[in-house]
Amino acid sequence: MTRATIQSLRVGKPQTIGKNVWTAIIKEPVHTGSCFLHETHLSGDEQADTINHGGHDKAVCAYPYEHYAYWNDRLETSLPLGGFGENITTQHLLEKDVRIGDTFRWGKAIVQVSQPRKPCYKLAERHGIKKLPLYVEETGYSGYYFRVLAAGEVQASDALELIERRSDVSVADVNEVTFYDAANKERVVALLALPELAGAWKDVVRKKYERVRSSAEEST
């Protein structure tokens, strides 16, 4: 079974950044060592936009530690951990390896991978790089979200231990279909039939497929 480590555990509260953008993308380390993971959030973590962030399917945002070297080189900078607004910076859990529905024991809690993280303009605003969300989409270095199956006390020193694998569909697969292969009916149908994939993401896939199909029909 997969066992991954956590390099950083962070929470944050909404604040104004850049050009008057209200966001909780800036997360600070949990200095107490441990934190209670509720069904929809970590203690001390808040969301500025509760429609697109947080909630049952997006209780914990994770981003792979391994990607930081790539971004630091490409952007010619030194991004701090938490630079992508993640709650936990994971190691040994890349998008290509993590499956939708993968269920992990984390401390006293149980969490499950629910969907990729979709980059938005707030990421660009934080780092002053307008095309950063596009770069994230192009690379597939998106990170992902966990839903909480069992609440409990967690800490950065607790490993993420895989206890159940529910599908063969990786986070990378979901990104690829959504952004670059939305015309592939077979793959789209497979995603829509995946129980563990968050409903909000299924809506995105469905709408993208309908737009692509509609455009194809208009061009014929």
Protein backbone atom coordinates (compact mmCIF):
# COMPACT_ATOMS: atom_id res chain seq x y z
CA MET A 1 0.00 0.00 0.00
CA THR A 2 1.12 3.53 -0.77
CA ARG A 3 2.46 5.56 2.11
CA ALA A 4 3.12 9.25 1.54
CA THR A 5 4.57 11.98 3.70
CA ILE A 6 3.38 15.54 4.27
CA GLN A 7 5.92 18.33 3.98
CA SER A 8 3.62 21.09 5.18
CA LEU A 9 0.22 21.51 6.87
CA ARG A 10 -1.37 24.93 6.42
CA VAL A 11 -4.56 26.86 7.05
CA GLY A 12 -5.60 30.39 6.20
CA LYS A 13 -8.23 33.07 6.52
CA PRO A 14 -9.52 35.41 3.80
CA GLN A 15 -7.56 38.58 3.13
CA THR A 16 -7.17 41.11 0.34
CA ILE A 17 -4.28 40.60 -2.08
CA GLY A 18 -3.16 42.23 -5.31
CA LYS A 19 -5.79 44.32 -7.04
CA ASN A 20 -8.39 44.11 -4.28
CA VAL A 21 -8.90 40.32 -4.54
CA TRP A 22 -10.54 38.73 -1.47
CA THR A 23 -9.09 35.25 -1.02
CA ALA A 24 -7.79 32.68 1.47
CA ILE A 25 -5.16 31.36 -0.93
CA ILE A 26 -2.38 32.39 1.46
CA LYS A 27 -2.02 29.61 4.02
CA GLU A 28 0.21 29.67 7.08
CA PRO A 29 1.79 26.65 8.83
CA VAL A 30 -0.13 25.06 11.69
CA HIS A 31 2.21 25.93 14.54
CA THR A 32 0.42 23.86 17.17
CA GLY A 33 1.52 20.68 15.44
CA SER A 34 -1.93 19.13 15.24
CA CYS A 35 -5.23 20.24 13.80
CA PHE A 36 -8.75 18.85 13.80
CA LEU A 37 -10.07 17.83 10.41
CA HIS A 38 -13.83 18.34 10.23
CA GLU A 39 -16.10 16.95 7.52
CA THR A 40 -15.72 20.10 5.39
CA HIS A 41 -12.52 21.82 6.54
CA LEU A 42 -9.48 21.93 8.78
CA SER A 43 -9.79 23.91 12.01
CA GLY A 44 -8.59 27.44 11.39
CA ASP A 45 -9.07 27.22 7.63
CA GLU A 46 -11.68 29.43 5.97
CA GLN A 47 -12.80 30.13 2.42
CA ALA A 48 -13.48 33.47 0.76
CA ASP A 49 -15.51 31.83 -2.01
CA THR A 50 -17.61 29.05 -0.51
CA ILE A 51 -19.22 28.22 -3.86
CA ASN A 52 -15.99 27.21 -5.60
CA HIS A 53 -13.83 26.26 -2.60
CA GLY A 54 -14.25 24.16 0.51
CA GLY A 55 -17.22 21.99 1.34
CA HIS A 56 -17.68 18.24 1.37
CA ASP A 57 -15.79 17.36 -1.82
CA LYS A 58 -13.07 19.98 -1.36
CA ALA A 59 -12.34 19.81 2.34
CA VAL A 60 -8.55 19.54 1.96
CA CYS A 61 -6.45 20.85 -0.92
CA ALA A 62 -3.22 18.95 -1.62
CA TYR A 63 -0.29 19.82 -3.86
CA PRO A 64 2.74 17.62 -4.65
CA TYR A 65 6.04 18.83 -3.24
CA GLU A 66 7.87 17.46 -6.28
CA HIS A 67 6.40 20.12 -8.58
CA TYR A 68 8.02 23.02 -6.75
CA ALA A 69 11.42 22.38 -8.34
CA TYR A 70 9.82 22.57 -11.79
CA TRP A 71 8.00 25.83 -11.06
CA ASN A 72 11.00 27.46 -9.42
CA ASP A 73 13.05 26.69 -12.50
CA ARG A 74 10.41 27.71 -15.04
CA LEU A 75 9.35 30.87 -13.23
CA GLU A 76 12.89 31.73 -12.11
CA THR A 77 11.76 32.24 -8.54
CA SER A 78 11.56 30.43 -5.21
CA LEU A 79 7.98 29.62 -4.32
CA PRO A 80 7.27 28.90 -0.65
CA LEU A 81 5.46 25.73 0.34
CA GLY A 82 1.78 26.57 0.30
CA GLY A 83 2.42 28.64 -2.82
CA PHE A 84 -0.50 26.99 -4.60
CA GLY A 85 -2.91 27.59 -1.76
CA GLU A 86 -2.75 23.99 -0.62
CA ASN A 87 -3.55 22.81 2.89
CA ILE A 88 -1.06 19.96 2.64
CA THR A 89 2.07 19.65 0.54
CA THR A 90 2.40 15.93 -0.17
CA GLN A 91 5.39 13.88 -1.22
CA HIS A 92 5.17 10.66 -3.30
CA LEU A 93 1.58 11.38 -4.43
CA LEU A 94 1.73 12.78 -7.95
CA GLU A 95 -1.37 13.33 -10.10
CA LYS A 96 -0.42 10.45 -12.39
CA ASP A 97 -0.21 8.07 -9.44
CA VAL A 98 -3.20 9.17 -7.37
CA ARG A 99 -6.56 7.64 -8.33
CA ILE A 100 -9.99 9.16 -7.88
CA GLY A 101 -11.46 7.39 -4.87
CA ASP A 102 -8.10 6.53 -3.31
CA THR A 103 -8.82 6.41 0.41
CA PHE A 104 -6.16 7.24 2.98
CA ARG A 105 -5.79 7.10 6.72
CA TRP A 106 -4.35 10.41 7.91
CA GLY A 107 -3.83 10.52 11.64
CA LYS A 108 -7.23 9.90 13.21
CA ALA A 109 -9.08 10.87 10.01
CA ILE A 110 -9.99 9.08 6.79
CA VAL A 111 -9.83 11.06 3.54
CA GLN A 112 -10.61 10.24 -0.10
CA VAL A 113 -9.41 11.80 -3.36
CA SER A 114 -12.41 13.50 -4.99
CA GLN A 115 -11.19 15.63 -7.94
CA PRO A 116 -8.30 17.64 -9.37
CA ARG A 117 -7.76 21.20 -8.19
CA LYS A 118 -8.71 23.68 -10.94
CA PRO A 119 -6.39 26.73 -10.96
CA CYS A 120 -8.08 30.13 -11.03
CA TYR A 121 -7.16 33.79 -11.39
CA LYS A 122 -6.40 34.07 -7.66
CA LEU A 123 -3.30 31.94 -8.15
CA ALA A 124 -2.16 34.39 -10.84
CA GLU A 125 -2.96 37.32 -8.57
CA ARG A 126 -0.97 35.93 -5.69
CA HIS A 127 2.22 35.48 -7.69
CA GLY A 128 1.73 38.28 -10.21
CA ILE A 129 1.93 35.84 -13.14
CA LYS A 130 -1.13 36.22 -15.36
CA LYS A 131 -0.66 32.96 -17.26
CA LEU A 132 0.16 30.78 -14.25
CA PRO A 133 -3.30 29.10 -14.19
CA LEU A 134 -2.82 28.26 -17.89
CA TYR A 135 0.64 26.85 -17.20
CA VAL A 136 -0.83 24.65 -14.45
CA GLU A 137 -3.53 23.41 -16.82
CA GLU A 138 -0.99 22.68 -19.57
CA THR A 139 1.37 20.72 -17.32
CA GLY A 140 -1.33 18.88 -15.40
CA TYR A 141 0.46 19.87 -12.19
CA SER A 142 -2.86 20.75 -10.62
CA GLY A 143 -2.90 19.16 -7.21
CA TYR A 144 -6.14 17.58 -6.00
CA TYR A 145 -8.79 17.62 -3.31
CA PHE A 146 -9.76 15.23 -0.54
CA ARG A 147 -13.22 14.71 0.90
CA VAL A 148 -13.43 13.61 4.53
CA LEU A 149 -14.97 10.20 5.27
CA ALA A 150 -14.14 10.29 8.98
CA ALA A 151 -13.20 13.40 10.94
CA GLY A 152 -10.32 13.39 13.40
CA GLU A 153 -7.11 14.93 14.67
CA VAL A 154 -4.31 15.20 12.08
CA GLN A 155 -0.79 16.60 11.93
CA ALA A 156 1.95 17.07 9.37
CA SER A 157 4.01 14.26 10.86
CA ASP A 158 1.20 11.77 10.19
CA ALA A 159 1.75 9.82 6.98
CA LEU A 160 -0.99 9.37 4.41
CA GLU A 161 -1.53 5.61 4.26
CA LEU A 162 -3.53 4.20 1.35
CA ILE A 163 -6.18 1.83 2.70
CA GLU A 164 -8.44 1.41 -0.35
CA ARG A 165 -8.27 1.99 -4.12
CA ARG A 166 -11.67 2.48 -5.73
CA SER A 167 -10.82 3.13 -9.40
CA ASP A 168 -8.11 3.04 -12.05
CA VAL A 169 -8.74 6.66 -13.08
CA SER A 170 -5.90 8.95 -12.04
CA VAL A 171 -6.15 12.66 -11.31
CA ALA A 172 -3.99 13.15 -14.41
CA ASP A 173 -6.54 11.20 -16.47
CA VAL A 174 -9.33 13.48 -15.29
CA ASN A 175 -7.32 16.58 -16.19
CA GLU A 176 -6.51 15.20 -19.63
CA VAL A 177 -10.11 14.35 -20.51
CA THR A 178 -11.48 17.61 -19.13
CA PHE A 179 -9.08 20.00 -20.82
CA TYR A 180 -7.77 18.15 -23.89
CA ASP A 181 -9.97 15.17 -24.75
CA ALA A 182 -13.49 16.34 -23.93
CA ALA A 183 -14.71 15.15 -27.37
CA ASN A 184 -13.91 11.55 -26.47
CA LYS A 185 -17.36 10.24 -25.62
CA GLU A 186 -16.10 6.94 -24.20
CA ARG A 187 -13.75 8.63 -21.74
CA VAL A 188 -16.31 11.29 -20.81
CA VAL A 189 -18.97 8.67 -20.11
CA ALA A 190 -16.51 6.74 -17.96
CA LEU A 191 -15.80 9.83 -15.85
CA LEU A 192 -19.48 10.64 -15.45
CA ALA A 193 -20.10 7.08 -14.24
CA LEU A 194 -17.36 7.25 -11.60
CA PRO A 195 -19.13 7.48 -8.21
CA GLU A 196 -16.14 8.93 -6.36
CA LEU A 197 -15.57 11.84 -8.78
CA ALA A 198 -17.07 15.02 -7.33
CA GLY A 199 -20.41 16.05 -8.80
CA ALA A 200 -19.24 19.60 -9.49
CA TRP A 201 -16.37 18.30 -11.62
CA LYS A 202 -18.74 15.99 -13.50
CA ASP A 203 -20.78 19.09 -14.36
CA VAL A 204 -17.65 20.70 -15.81
CA VAL A 205 -16.89 17.62 -17.91
CA ARG A 206 -20.48 17.34 -19.12
CA LYS A 207 -20.67 20.99 -20.16
CA LYS A 208 -17.28 20.83 -21.86
CA TYR A 209 -18.35 17.76 -23.84
CA GLU A 210 -21.62 19.40 -24.88
CA ARG A 211 -19.79 22.54 -26.06
CA VAL A 212 -17.27 20.50 -28.06
CA ARG A 213 -20.03 18.41 -29.62
CA SER A 214 -22.09 21.47 -30.44
CA SER A 215 -19.10 23.18 -32.09
CA ALA A 216 -18.40 20.06 -34.15
CA GLU A 217 -22.00 19.93 -35.36
CA GLU A 218 -21.94 23.61 -36.34
CA SER A 219 -18.79 23.13 -38.38
CA THR A 220 -20.28 20.30 -40.45
